[in-house]
Amino acid sequence: MVDTQQLYNKIETLPDSLLSQVADYVDFLIDRNDIPTNDVIPDWQIKETEKRIKQIENGEMELIPWDEAKTEIFKK
């Protein structure tokens, strides 16, 4: 079994270009195994989300229908 320090040592040997893949895989493992995290949503992100919700409700922001967005995403 690999202990935490061995894992850190292995990760340090990876090129920077692979670190995002490692992070994505760790996120996948956490999600797949329903492991609780201590992720805290920063205040700035909550405030920005609340601001955007108000803009949508007041008609100040135009939304793209999901079907259009999905079509555009999968074209690329």
N, C-alpha and C. Protein backbone atom coordinates (compact mmCIF):
# COMPACT_ATOMS: atom_id res chain seq x y z
N MET A 1 0.85 -1.18 0.00
CA MET A 1 0.00 0.00 0.00
C MET A 1 0.89 1.24 0.00
N VAL A 2 0.46 2.25 -0.72
CA VAL A 2 1.22 3.49 -0.83
C VAL A 2 0.77 4.44 0.26
N ASP A 3 1.73 4.98 1.02
CA ASP A 3 1.34 5.97 2.01
C ASP A 3 1.34 7.36 1.37
N THR A 4 0.85 8.32 2.09
CA THR A 4 0.67 9.67 1.56
C THR A 4 1.98 10.27 1.05
N GLN A 5 3.05 10.11 1.80
CA GLN A 5 4.33 10.68 1.39
C GLN A 5 4.83 10.05 0.09
N GLN A 6 4.66 8.73 -0.05
CA GLN A 6 5.06 8.07 -1.30
C GLN A 6 4.26 8.61 -2.47
N LEU A 7 2.99 8.85 -2.23
CA LEU A 7 2.14 9.41 -3.28
C LEU A 7 2.60 10.80 -3.67
N TYR A 8 2.89 11.65 -2.67
CA TYR A 8 3.42 12.99 -2.95
C TYR A 8 4.70 12.91 -3.76
N ASN A 9 5.58 12.00 -3.39
CA ASN A 9 6.85 11.86 -4.11
C ASN A 9 6.63 11.47 -5.56
N LYS A 10 5.69 10.57 -5.79
CA LYS A 10 5.39 10.17 -7.17
C LYS A 10 4.81 11.33 -7.96
N ILE A 11 3.93 12.08 -7.34
CA ILE A 11 3.30 13.21 -8.03
C ILE A 11 4.35 14.26 -8.39
N GLU A 12 5.31 14.48 -7.50
CA GLU A 12 6.36 15.47 -7.75
C GLU A 12 7.22 15.11 -8.96
N THR A 13 7.27 13.84 -9.34
CA THR A 13 8.07 13.44 -10.49
C THR A 13 7.36 13.67 -11.81
N LEU A 14 6.06 13.91 -11.75
CA LEU A 14 5.28 14.11 -12.97
C LEU A 14 5.54 15.48 -13.58
N PRO A 15 5.49 15.56 -14.90
CA PRO A 15 5.59 16.88 -15.54
C PRO A 15 4.33 17.70 -15.23
N ASP A 16 4.49 19.02 -15.21
CA ASP A 16 3.36 19.91 -14.91
C ASP A 16 2.16 19.65 -15.81
N SER A 17 2.42 19.24 -17.03
CA SER A 17 1.32 19.02 -17.99
C SER A 17 0.38 17.89 -17.57
N LEU A 18 0.82 17.02 -16.65
CA LEU A 18 -0.03 15.91 -16.21
C LEU A 18 -0.73 16.17 -14.89
N LEU A 19 -0.36 17.24 -14.19
CA LEU A 19 -0.92 17.48 -12.87
C LEU A 19 -2.43 17.71 -12.90
N SER A 20 -2.93 18.37 -13.94
CA SER A 20 -4.38 18.59 -14.01
C SER A 20 -5.11 17.27 -14.19
N GLN A 21 -4.51 16.31 -14.88
CA GLN A 21 -5.14 15.00 -15.04
C GLN A 21 -5.18 14.26 -13.70
N VAL A 22 -4.12 14.40 -12.91
CA VAL A 22 -4.09 13.78 -11.58
C VAL A 22 -5.20 14.38 -10.72
N ALA A 23 -5.31 15.71 -10.74
CA ALA A 23 -6.34 16.38 -9.95
C ALA A 23 -7.74 15.94 -10.40
N ASP A 24 -7.94 15.83 -11.71
CA ASP A 24 -9.24 15.38 -12.22
C ASP A 24 -9.55 13.96 -11.76
N TYR A 25 -8.52 13.09 -11.76
CA TYR A 25 -8.74 11.71 -11.35
C TYR A 25 -9.06 11.63 -9.85
N VAL A 26 -8.39 12.43 -9.06
CA VAL A 26 -8.67 12.46 -7.62
C VAL A 26 -10.11 12.92 -7.40
N ASP A 27 -10.53 13.98 -8.11
CA ASP A 27 -11.92 14.45 -8.02
C ASP A 27 -12.90 13.34 -8.40
N PHE A 28 -12.56 12.60 -9.46
CA PHE A 28 -13.40 11.49 -9.91
C PHE A 28 -13.53 10.45 -8.81
N LEU A 29 -12.41 10.07 -8.19
CA LEU A 29 -12.43 9.07 -7.13
C LEU A 29 -13.26 9.52 -5.94
N ILE A 30 -13.13 10.80 -5.58
CA ILE A 30 -13.90 11.35 -4.46
C ILE A 30 -15.40 11.28 -4.77
N ASP A 31 -15.75 11.71 -5.98
CA ASP A 31 -17.15 11.73 -6.39
C ASP A 31 -17.70 10.31 -6.51
N ARG A 32 -16.96 9.44 -7.15
CA ARG A 32 -17.40 8.07 -7.40
C ARG A 32 -17.62 7.29 -6.11
N ASN A 33 -16.83 7.60 -5.09
CA ASN A 33 -16.92 6.88 -3.83
C ASN A 33 -17.66 7.64 -2.75
N ASP A 34 -18.34 8.73 -3.15
CA ASP A 34 -19.14 9.53 -2.21
C ASP A 34 -18.36 9.91 -0.96
N ILE A 35 -17.12 10.34 -1.16
CA ILE A 35 -16.28 10.76 -0.04
C ILE A 35 -16.58 12.22 0.26
N PRO A 36 -16.98 12.53 1.47
CA PRO A 36 -17.28 13.93 1.79
C PRO A 36 -16.00 14.77 1.77
N THR A 37 -16.13 16.00 1.33
CA THR A 37 -14.99 16.92 1.30
C THR A 37 -15.32 18.13 2.15
N ASN A 38 -14.32 18.88 2.46
CA ASN A 38 -14.50 20.10 3.24
C ASN A 38 -14.53 21.32 2.35
N ASP A 39 -14.97 21.12 1.11
CA ASP A 39 -15.02 22.24 0.18
C ASP A 39 -15.97 23.32 0.70
N VAL A 40 -15.49 24.52 0.73
CA VAL A 40 -16.28 25.66 1.16
C VAL A 40 -16.39 26.61 -0.03
N ILE A 41 -17.59 27.02 -0.32
CA ILE A 41 -17.78 27.96 -1.42
C ILE A 41 -17.38 29.34 -0.91
N PRO A 42 -16.42 29.98 -1.61
CA PRO A 42 -15.96 31.30 -1.15
C PRO A 42 -17.08 32.34 -1.21
N ASP A 43 -17.03 33.31 -0.31
CA ASP A 43 -18.05 34.36 -0.25
C ASP A 43 -18.20 35.09 -1.58
N TRP A 44 -17.07 35.36 -2.26
CA TRP A 44 -17.15 36.10 -3.52
C TRP A 44 -17.96 35.33 -4.55
N GLN A 45 -17.86 33.98 -4.52
CA GLN A 45 -18.58 33.18 -5.49
C GLN A 45 -20.08 33.15 -5.17
N ILE A 46 -20.42 33.12 -3.90
CA ILE A 46 -21.83 33.17 -3.50
C ILE A 46 -22.43 34.51 -3.91
N LYS A 47 -21.72 35.60 -3.64
CA LYS A 47 -22.22 36.94 -3.99
C LYS A 47 -22.38 37.08 -5.50
N GLU A 48 -21.41 36.58 -6.27
CA GLU A 48 -21.50 36.66 -7.73
C GLU A 48 -22.69 35.86 -8.24
N THR A 49 -22.92 34.69 -7.69
CA THR A 49 -24.05 33.86 -8.09
C THR A 49 -25.37 34.56 -7.77
N GLU A 50 -25.47 35.14 -6.57
CA GLU A 50 -26.68 35.87 -6.19
C GLU A 50 -26.91 37.05 -7.13
N LYS A 51 -25.84 37.75 -7.49
CA LYS A 51 -25.95 38.89 -8.40
C LYS A 51 -26.47 38.45 -9.76
N ARG A 52 -25.95 37.34 -10.26
CA ARG A 52 -26.37 36.85 -11.58
C ARG A 52 -27.81 36.36 -11.56
N ILE A 53 -28.24 35.74 -10.45
CA ILE A 53 -29.63 35.29 -10.34
C ILE A 53 -30.56 36.50 -10.40
N LYS A 54 -30.21 37.58 -9.70
CA LYS A 54 -31.03 38.80 -9.74
C LYS A 54 -31.07 39.38 -11.15
N GLN A 55 -29.92 39.36 -11.85
CA GLN A 55 -29.89 39.86 -13.22
C GLN A 55 -30.81 39.04 -14.13
N ILE A 56 -30.82 37.74 -13.94
CA ILE A 56 -31.68 36.87 -14.74
C ILE A 56 -33.14 37.17 -14.43
N GLU A 57 -33.47 37.26 -13.15
CA GLU A 57 -34.85 37.52 -12.74
C GLU A 57 -35.34 38.88 -13.23
N ASN A 58 -34.44 39.87 -13.30
CA ASN A 58 -34.82 41.21 -13.75
C ASN A 58 -34.74 41.37 -15.26
N GLY A 59 -34.38 40.30 -15.97
CA GLY A 59 -34.28 40.37 -17.42
C GLY A 59 -33.06 41.13 -17.91
N GLU A 60 -32.07 41.32 -17.06
CA GLU A 60 -30.86 42.05 -17.44
C GLU A 60 -29.83 41.15 -18.11
N MET A 61 -30.05 39.85 -18.05
CA MET A 61 -29.10 38.91 -18.62
C MET A 61 -29.86 37.96 -19.53
N GLU A 62 -29.36 37.79 -20.73
CA GLU A 62 -30.02 36.91 -21.68
C GLU A 62 -29.47 35.50 -21.53
N LEU A 63 -30.35 34.54 -21.42
CA LEU A 63 -29.95 33.15 -21.27
C LEU A 63 -30.04 32.43 -22.60
N ILE A 64 -29.18 31.45 -22.78
CA ILE A 64 -29.21 30.62 -23.98
C ILE A 64 -29.94 29.33 -23.61
N PRO A 65 -30.93 28.93 -24.39
CA PRO A 65 -31.63 27.67 -24.12
C PRO A 65 -30.65 26.50 -24.12
N TRP A 66 -30.87 25.53 -23.24
CA TRP A 66 -29.97 24.41 -23.08
C TRP A 66 -29.73 23.67 -24.40
N ASP A 67 -30.77 23.47 -25.20
CA ASP A 67 -30.59 22.76 -26.48
C ASP A 67 -29.62 23.49 -27.39
N GLU A 68 -29.70 24.82 -27.43
CA GLU A 68 -28.76 25.60 -28.25
C GLU A 68 -27.33 25.49 -27.71
N ALA A 69 -27.19 25.59 -26.40
CA ALA A 69 -25.87 25.51 -25.79
C ALA A 69 -25.26 24.14 -26.04
N LYS A 70 -26.06 23.08 -25.86
CA LYS A 70 -25.57 21.72 -26.07
C LYS A 70 -25.15 21.50 -27.52
N THR A 71 -25.94 22.00 -28.46
CA THR A 71 -25.61 21.87 -29.87
C THR A 71 -24.28 22.57 -30.17
N GLU A 72 -24.13 23.76 -29.62
CA GLU A 72 -22.91 24.54 -29.84
C GLU A 72 -21.69 23.83 -29.24
N ILE A 73 -21.84 23.28 -28.05
CA ILE A 73 -20.74 22.59 -27.40
C ILE A 73 -20.30 21.37 -28.21
N PHE A 74 -21.26 20.58 -28.67
CA PHE A 74 -20.92 19.35 -29.35
C PHE A 74 -20.49 19.56 -30.80
N LYS A 75 -20.68 20.77 -31.34
CA LYS A 75 -20.16 21.08 -32.67
C LYS A 75 -18.64 21.10 -32.64
N LYS A 76 -18.08 21.49 -31.52
CA LYS A 76 -16.63 21.62 -31.41
C LYS A 76 -16.05 20.32 -31.09
